[in-house]
Protein backbone atom coordinates (compact mmCIF):
# COMPACT_ATOMS: atom_id res chain seq x y z
CA SER A 1 6.84 -8.92 34.48
CA THR A 2 4.83 -10.06 37.51
CA SER A 3 4.37 -13.74 37.92
CA GLY A 4 3.77 -16.27 40.55
CA ALA A 5 1.05 -18.21 42.24
CA ILE A 6 -1.85 -16.16 43.66
CA PRO A 7 -2.47 -17.48 47.11
CA ARG A 8 -6.10 -18.13 48.00
CA GLY A 9 -7.71 -14.89 49.06
CA ASP A 10 -4.58 -12.86 48.18
CA SER A 11 -4.97 -10.59 45.18
CA ALA A 12 -1.78 -8.58 45.70
CA ARG A 13 0.05 -10.13 42.74
CA LEU A 14 -2.95 -9.67 40.44
CA ALA A 15 -3.15 -6.03 41.51
CA ALA A 16 0.58 -5.50 40.94
CA ALA A 17 0.21 -7.06 37.43
CA ALA A 18 -2.71 -4.78 36.66
CA ARG A 19 -0.67 -1.77 37.71
CA ALA A 20 2.17 -2.90 35.43
CA VAL A 21 -0.29 -3.12 32.49
CA GLY A 22 -1.53 0.32 33.40
CA GLU A 23 2.02 1.57 33.02
CA GLY A 24 2.30 0.02 29.56
CA ASP A 25 3.91 -3.36 30.31
CA LEU A 26 2.02 -5.78 28.12
CA GLY A 27 4.51 -8.62 28.81
CA VAL A 28 3.13 -9.15 32.26
CA SER A 29 1.27 -12.26 33.32
CA VAL A 30 0.19 -13.99 36.49
CA GLU A 31 0.64 -17.60 37.32
CA VAL A 32 -2.77 -19.11 37.85
CA ARG A 33 -3.28 -22.00 40.26
CA GLY A 34 -6.54 -23.40 41.60
CA ARG A 35 -10.11 -22.88 40.54
CA ASP A 36 -11.22 -20.17 42.81
CA GLU A 37 -12.56 -16.73 41.80
CA ILE A 38 -9.12 -15.08 42.01
CA ALA A 39 -7.60 -17.79 39.84
CA ARG A 40 -10.30 -17.36 37.23
CA LEU A 41 -9.75 -13.62 37.35
CA GLY A 42 -6.07 -14.18 36.85
CA ALA A 43 -6.71 -16.41 33.82
CA GLU A 44 -8.98 -13.70 32.34
CA PHE A 45 -6.39 -11.09 33.12
CA ASN A 46 -3.63 -13.07 31.20
CA SER A 47 -6.09 -13.42 28.28
CA MET A 48 -6.85 -9.69 28.32
CA VAL A 49 -3.15 -8.75 28.40
CA ALA A 50 -2.42 -11.14 25.49
CA GLY A 51 -5.33 -9.55 23.50
CA LEU A 52 -3.98 -6.06 24.27
CA ALA A 53 -0.49 -6.98 23.16
CA GLU A 54 -1.87 -8.48 19.91
CA GLY A 55 -3.95 -5.34 19.33
CA GLN A 56 -0.92 -3.18 19.83
CA ARG A 57 1.03 -5.31 17.32
CA LEU A 58 -1.76 -5.08 14.79
CA LYS A 59 -1.95 -1.36 15.27
CA ALA A 60 1.76 -1.00 14.63
CA ASP A 61 1.44 -3.18 11.50
CA GLN A 62 -1.46 -1.04 10.26
CA LEU A 63 0.59 2.19 10.81
CA ARG A 64 3.49 0.67 8.87
CA ILE A 65 1.18 -0.34 6.00
CA GLN A 66 -0.38 3.18 5.97
CA GLN A 67 3.10 4.65 5.79
CA GLU A 68 4.02 2.36 2.95
CA LEU A 69 0.88 3.24 1.06
CA LYS A 70 1.60 6.98 1.48
CA ILE A 71 4.99 6.34 -0.05
CA ALA A 72 3.37 4.39 -2.92
CA GLN A 73 0.92 7.30 -3.41
CA ASP A 74 3.78 9.79 -3.62
CA ILE A 75 5.63 7.62 -6.07
CA GLN A 76 2.64 7.13 -8.23
CA ARG A 77 1.80 10.85 -8.28
CA SER A 78 5.44 11.52 -9.34
CA LEU A 79 4.82 9.19 -12.34
CA LEU A 80 2.04 11.39 -13.61
CA PRO A 81 2.81 14.75 -15.28
CA ALA A 82 3.60 17.41 -12.77
CA ARG A 83 2.03 20.12 -15.00
CA LEU A 84 0.03 20.03 -18.13
CA PRO A 85 1.65 20.97 -21.47
CA ASP A 86 1.28 24.34 -23.10
CA PHE A 87 0.59 23.35 -26.67
CA PRO A 88 -0.74 25.82 -29.29
CA GLY A 89 -4.35 25.37 -30.11
CA TYR A 90 -5.15 23.04 -27.24
CA ARG A 91 -6.06 23.32 -23.62
CA PHE A 92 -5.64 20.26 -21.38
CA ALA A 93 -7.16 19.32 -18.05
CA ALA A 94 -6.52 16.23 -16.07
CA THR A 95 -7.26 14.80 -12.63
CA TYR A 96 -6.41 11.50 -11.00
CA VAL A 97 -8.45 9.84 -8.24
CA PRO A 98 -7.62 6.20 -7.78
CA ALA A 99 -10.40 3.78 -6.50
CA ARG A 100 -8.04 2.71 -3.80
CA GLU A 101 -4.98 4.29 -2.25
CA VAL A 102 -3.11 3.70 -5.48
CA GLY A 103 -4.23 2.35 -8.91
CA GLY A 104 -3.42 1.55 -12.50
CA ASP A 105 -4.73 4.44 -14.36
CA TYR A 106 -2.13 6.41 -16.40
CA TYR A 107 -1.91 9.51 -18.53
CA ASP A 108 1.03 11.30 -20.03
CA PHE A 109 2.01 14.02 -22.49
CA ILE A 110 5.09 13.27 -24.50
CA PRO A 111 6.68 15.95 -26.67
CA LEU A 112 7.96 14.51 -29.94
CA ASP A 113 11.11 15.65 -31.75
CA ASP A 114 9.09 16.89 -34.81
CA GLY A 115 7.15 19.39 -32.60
CA ARG A 116 4.05 17.25 -32.19
CA LEU A 117 2.68 16.01 -28.89
CA ALA A 118 1.68 12.46 -28.02
CA VAL A 119 -1.09 12.08 -25.40
CA ALA A 120 -1.26 8.66 -23.70
CA ILE A 121 -4.17 7.54 -21.59
CA GLY A 122 -4.22 4.06 -20.18
CA ASP A 123 -5.70 1.73 -17.58
CA VAL A 124 -4.09 -1.35 -16.13
CA SER A 125 -6.35 -4.27 -15.22
CA GLY A 126 -6.85 -4.62 -11.53
CA LYS A 127 -6.53 -2.01 -8.81
CA GLY A 128 -4.33 -1.15 -5.94
CA ILE A 129 -0.60 -1.78 -5.70
CA PRO A 130 -0.36 -4.45 -8.43
CA GLY A 131 -2.04 -2.04 -10.91
CA SER A 132 0.15 0.79 -9.90
CA MET A 133 3.34 -1.27 -10.35
CA VAL A 134 2.23 -2.35 -13.92
CA MET A 135 1.41 1.32 -14.61
CA SER A 136 4.97 2.41 -13.72
CA MET A 137 6.23 -0.28 -16.06
CA VAL A 138 3.95 1.06 -18.80
CA LYS A 139 5.22 4.64 -18.41
CA SER A 140 8.84 3.49 -18.42
CA ILE A 141 8.44 1.29 -21.53
CA LEU A 142 6.36 3.99 -23.33
CA ARG A 143 8.83 6.77 -22.61
CA TYR A 144 11.77 4.69 -23.58
CA GLU A 145 10.22 3.39 -26.83
CA MET A 146 8.86 6.84 -27.77
CA ALA A 147 12.44 8.26 -27.48
CA ARG A 148 13.77 5.46 -29.80
CA ARG A 149 11.05 5.29 -32.49
CA THR A 150 8.77 7.56 -34.45
CA ASP A 151 6.20 4.93 -35.53
CA ILE A 152 3.52 4.70 -32.81
CA LEU A 153 2.47 1.19 -34.06
CA ASP A 154 5.97 -0.04 -33.55
CA VAL A 155 6.03 1.48 -30.01
CA LEU A 156 2.66 -0.29 -29.24
CA ARG A 157 3.87 -3.63 -30.62
CA THR A 158 7.09 -3.47 -28.57
CA MET A 159 5.19 -2.51 -25.41
CA ASN A 160 2.64 -5.32 -26.01
CA THR A 161 5.46 -7.84 -26.32
CA VAL A 162 7.20 -6.65 -23.13
CA ILE A 163 4.08 -6.45 -21.08
CA LEU A 164 2.88 -9.88 -22.17
CA ARG A 165 6.34 -11.34 -21.34
CA ASP A 166 6.74 -9.65 -17.97
CA THR A 167 3.25 -9.87 -16.42
CA LYS A 168 0.77 -12.49 -15.40
CA PRO A 169 -1.57 -13.83 -18.05
CA ASP A 170 -4.64 -12.06 -16.52
CA THR A 171 -2.90 -8.66 -16.54
CA TYR A 172 -3.57 -6.38 -19.41
CA VAL A 173 -3.38 -2.75 -20.31
CA THR A 174 -5.81 -0.59 -22.24
CA LEU A 175 -3.72 2.22 -23.78
CA MET A 176 -4.53 4.91 -26.25
CA ILE A 177 -1.95 7.17 -27.74
CA VAL A 178 -3.13 10.24 -29.71
CA VAL A 179 -0.60 12.38 -31.66
């Protein structure tokens, strides 16, 4: 870090600080004394370096957020069926394109013990990460309850109770199950 008074007419320290910034040192500053043109230039230089450092920090934060969203996308994709079921008499097609990086839409194909197939399609209120988190909860509860019960209405009642208990009052799920 280059610091110190800039003598009147002497721009050597300001030039050295500019070289340091050019080499990537955004911790550099110059001590500003007086009110002449070089002092004003030094003050502007310090302001510019602080702005560059803040921009670099924001860029690093943005990159971290993008990486975390990519992980969230991968997790959400893994919660949806990897392949469509092969079920006699039916052909299935599905696609998922969230409004944002991730979302609260849900579909699933759940084979039942008696040879039938349950098809679930749902939409969680809201978008983005909160919706995707509730969607993962919906899938977990649905899969668990479908393994324990045969009556779809019992499954939905239990799901409703759990979701109401464990989410905010303005969160809801529209869910259809077809067997």
